[in-house]
């Protein structure tokens, strides 16, 4: 009985850590369509984060970073950028940052 309770407590702790980790992702990520082109909007939700790379739909989507910005890009809280996704519906976005790699699943 004690062993079962310890295992349940451990599972709960791991679940809580996973949930809080997801909440600490450095960007809010949303997607929509503009004139037939998928647009992924990134907005920083931390005081400073450096975007070093990105991947949309596991590399199965032709993409372009909005503007003429070279990577790496540094963002302060509230700043953002658009990624354009051509010929695909965005389902997954992976962002590589100085704080780690984050995967966002979109509907």
C-alpha atoms as a PDB file:
ATOM      1  CA  UNK A   1       0.000   0.000   0.000  1.00  0.00           C
ATOM      2  CA  UNK A   2       2.775   2.474   0.946  1.00  0.00           C
ATOM      3  CA  UNK A   3       4.670   1.629  -2.229  1.00  0.00           C
ATOM      4  CA  UNK A   4       1.548   2.317  -4.335  1.00  0.00           C
ATOM      5  CA  UNK A   5       1.057   5.681  -2.645  1.00  0.00           C
ATOM      6  CA  UNK A   6       4.697   6.615  -3.266  1.00  0.00           C
ATOM      7  CA  UNK A   7       4.367   5.698  -6.939  1.00  0.00           C
ATOM      8  CA  UNK A   8       1.177   7.759  -7.239  1.00  0.00           C
ATOM      9  CA  UNK A   9       2.877  10.699  -5.539  1.00  0.00           C
ATOM     10  CA  UNK A  10       5.834  10.418  -7.919  1.00  0.00           C
ATOM     11  CA  UNK A  11       3.558  10.275 -10.966  1.00  0.00           C
ATOM     12  CA  UNK A  12       1.646  13.320  -9.711  1.00  0.00           C
ATOM     13  CA  UNK A  13       4.886  15.233  -9.172  1.00  0.00           C
ATOM     14  CA  UNK A  14       6.107  14.388 -12.670  1.00  0.00           C
ATOM     15  CA  UNK A  15       2.759  15.443 -14.168  1.00  0.00           C
ATOM     16  CA  UNK A  16       2.879  18.734 -12.274  1.00  0.00           C
ATOM     17  CA  UNK A  17       6.417  19.404 -13.524  1.00  0.00           C
ATOM     18  CA  UNK A  18       5.407  18.669 -17.101  1.00  0.00           C
ATOM     19  CA  UNK A  19       2.426  21.014 -16.872  1.00  0.00           C
ATOM     20  CA  UNK A  20       4.479  23.841 -15.370  1.00  0.00           C
ATOM     21  CA  UNK A  21       7.259  23.308 -17.930  1.00  0.00           C
ATOM     22  CA  UNK A  22       4.752  23.724 -20.754  1.00  0.00           C
ATOM     23  CA  UNK A  23       3.534  26.933 -19.119  1.00  0.00           C
ATOM     24  CA  UNK A  24       7.093  28.291 -19.055  1.00  0.00           C
ATOM     25  CA  UNK A  25       7.626  28.132 -22.805  1.00  0.00           C
ATOM     26  CA  UNK A  26       9.214  31.413 -23.922  1.00  0.00           C
ATOM     27  CA  UNK A  27       6.769  32.100 -26.772  1.00  0.00           C
ATOM     28  CA  UNK A  28       3.030  32.152 -27.329  1.00  0.00           C
ATOM     29  CA  UNK A  29       2.439  30.565 -30.726  1.00  0.00           C
ATOM     30  CA  UNK A  30      -0.699  31.027 -32.821  1.00  0.00           C
ATOM     31  CA  UNK A  31      -1.470  30.190 -36.446  1.00  0.00           C
ATOM     32  CA  UNK A  32      -3.938  31.536 -38.969  1.00  0.00           C
ATOM     33  CA  UNK A  33      -4.261  31.934 -42.735  1.00  0.00           C
ATOM     34  CA  UNK A  34      -3.689  35.218 -44.596  1.00  0.00           C
ATOM     35  CA  UNK A  35      -4.466  35.299 -48.327  1.00  0.00           C
ATOM     36  CA  UNK A  36      -4.060  31.524 -48.589  1.00  0.00           C
ATOM     37  CA  UNK A  37      -0.726  31.422 -46.724  1.00  0.00           C
ATOM     38  CA  UNK A  38      -0.295  29.911 -43.276  1.00  0.00           C
ATOM     39  CA  UNK A  39       1.054  32.426 -40.773  1.00  0.00           C
ATOM     40  CA  UNK A  40       2.581  31.432 -37.454  1.00  0.00           C
ATOM     41  CA  UNK A  41       2.787  34.317 -35.000  1.00  0.00           C
ATOM     42  CA  UNK A  42       5.449  34.077 -32.286  1.00  0.00           C
ATOM     43  CA  UNK A  43       5.221  36.412 -29.286  1.00  0.00           C
ATOM     44  CA  UNK A  44       7.761  36.368 -26.462  1.00  0.00           C
ATOM     45  CA  UNK A  45       6.328  35.797 -22.983  1.00  0.00           C
ATOM     46  CA  UNK A  46       9.650  35.986 -21.135  1.00  0.00           C
ATOM     47  CA  UNK A  47      11.829  39.018 -20.483  1.00  0.00           C
ATOM     48  CA  UNK A  48      14.475  37.937 -22.985  1.00  0.00           C
ATOM     49  CA  UNK A  49      14.724  34.959 -25.314  1.00  0.00           C
ATOM     50  CA  UNK A  50      16.887  34.199 -28.339  1.00  0.00           C
ATOM     51  CA  UNK A  51      15.327  32.303 -31.252  1.00  0.00           C
ATOM     52  CA  UNK A  52      18.090  30.258 -32.866  1.00  0.00           C
ATOM     53  CA  UNK A  53      16.033  28.041 -35.180  1.00  0.00           C
ATOM     54  CA  UNK A  54      12.581  26.754 -36.026  1.00  0.00           C
ATOM     55  CA  UNK A  55      10.874  23.895 -37.809  1.00  0.00           C
ATOM     56  CA  UNK A  56       7.289  23.630 -39.028  1.00  0.00           C
ATOM     57  CA  UNK A  57       5.567  20.278 -39.536  1.00  0.00           C
ATOM     58  CA  UNK A  58       8.840  18.418 -38.962  1.00  0.00           C
ATOM     59  CA  UNK A  59      10.442  20.011 -42.004  1.00  0.00           C
ATOM     60  CA  UNK A  60       7.613  19.036 -44.350  1.00  0.00           C
ATOM     61  CA  UNK A  61       6.576  22.623 -44.983  1.00  0.00           C
ATOM     62  CA  UNK A  62       8.271  25.364 -46.975  1.00  0.00           C
ATOM     63  CA  UNK A  63       8.724  28.260 -44.546  1.00  0.00           C
ATOM     64  CA  UNK A  64      10.100  31.763 -44.399  1.00  0.00           C
ATOM     65  CA  UNK A  65      10.814  34.070 -41.499  1.00  0.00           C
ATOM     66  CA  UNK A  66       8.896  37.349 -41.845  1.00  0.00           C
ATOM     67  CA  UNK A  67      10.972  40.418 -42.649  1.00  0.00           C
ATOM     68  CA  UNK A  68      14.658  40.338 -43.438  1.00  0.00           C
ATOM     69  CA  UNK A  69      15.796  39.181 -40.026  1.00  0.00           C
ATOM     70  CA  UNK A  70      18.672  36.704 -39.816  1.00  0.00           C
ATOM     71  CA  UNK A  71      18.803  34.171 -37.003  1.00  0.00           C
ATOM     72  CA  UNK A  72      19.532  34.316 -34.167  1.00  0.00           C
ATOM     73  CA  UNK A  73      16.895  36.867 -33.099  1.00  0.00           C
ATOM     74  CA  UNK A  74      16.575  38.285 -29.596  1.00  0.00           C
ATOM     75  CA  UNK A  75      13.118  39.162 -28.239  1.00  0.00           C
ATOM     76  CA  UNK A  76      11.995  41.044 -25.161  1.00  0.00           C
ATOM     77  CA  UNK A  77       8.623  40.404 -23.515  1.00  0.00           C
ATOM     78  CA  UNK A  78       5.786  41.146 -25.955  1.00  0.00           C
ATOM     79  CA  UNK A  79       7.929  41.308 -29.085  1.00  0.00           C
ATOM     80  CA  UNK A  80       7.308  38.879 -31.896  1.00  0.00           C
ATOM     81  CA  UNK A  81       7.733  37.821 -35.464  1.00  0.00           C
ATOM     82  CA  UNK A  82       5.768  35.947 -38.118  1.00  0.00           C
ATOM     83  CA  UNK A  83       6.748  32.716 -39.836  1.00  0.00           C
ATOM     84  CA  UNK A  84       5.123  32.063 -43.199  1.00  0.00           C
ATOM     85  CA  UNK A  85       4.213  28.464 -44.029  1.00  0.00           C
ATOM     86  CA  UNK A  86       3.600  27.841 -47.709  1.00  0.00           C
ATOM     87  CA  UNK A  87       1.589  24.927 -49.098  1.00  0.00           C
ATOM     88  CA  UNK A  88       0.732  23.330 -45.766  1.00  0.00           C
ATOM     89  CA  UNK A  89      -1.588  23.515 -42.795  1.00  0.00           C
ATOM     90  CA  UNK A  90       0.495  24.136 -39.683  1.00  0.00           C
ATOM     91  CA  UNK A  91       0.138  21.308 -37.155  1.00  0.00           C
ATOM     92  CA  UNK A  92       3.423  21.508 -35.256  1.00  0.00           C
ATOM     93  CA  UNK A  93       6.017  24.200 -34.595  1.00  0.00           C
ATOM     94  CA  UNK A  94       9.390  23.478 -32.994  1.00  0.00           C
ATOM     95  CA  UNK A  95      11.327  26.475 -31.715  1.00  0.00           C
ATOM     96  CA  UNK A  96      15.004  26.295 -30.803  1.00  0.00           C
ATOM     97  CA  UNK A  97      15.952  28.937 -28.243  1.00  0.00           C
ATOM     98  CA  UNK A  98      18.696  29.760 -25.795  1.00  0.00           C
ATOM     99  CA  UNK A  99      16.318  28.407 -23.120  1.00  0.00           C
ATOM    100  CA  UNK A 100      15.825  25.031 -24.814  1.00  0.00           C
ATOM    101  CA  UNK A 101      13.733  23.487 -27.586  1.00  0.00           C
ATOM    102  CA  UNK A 102       9.948  23.770 -27.430  1.00  0.00           C
ATOM    103  CA  UNK A 103       7.310  21.913 -29.437  1.00  0.00           C
ATOM    104  CA  UNK A 104       3.915  23.513 -29.987  1.00  0.00           C
ATOM    105  CA  UNK A 105       1.026  21.440 -31.341  1.00  0.00           C
ATOM    106  CA  UNK A 106      -1.663  23.463 -33.125  1.00  0.00           C
ATOM    107  CA  UNK A 107      -5.187  22.461 -34.068  1.00  0.00           C
END
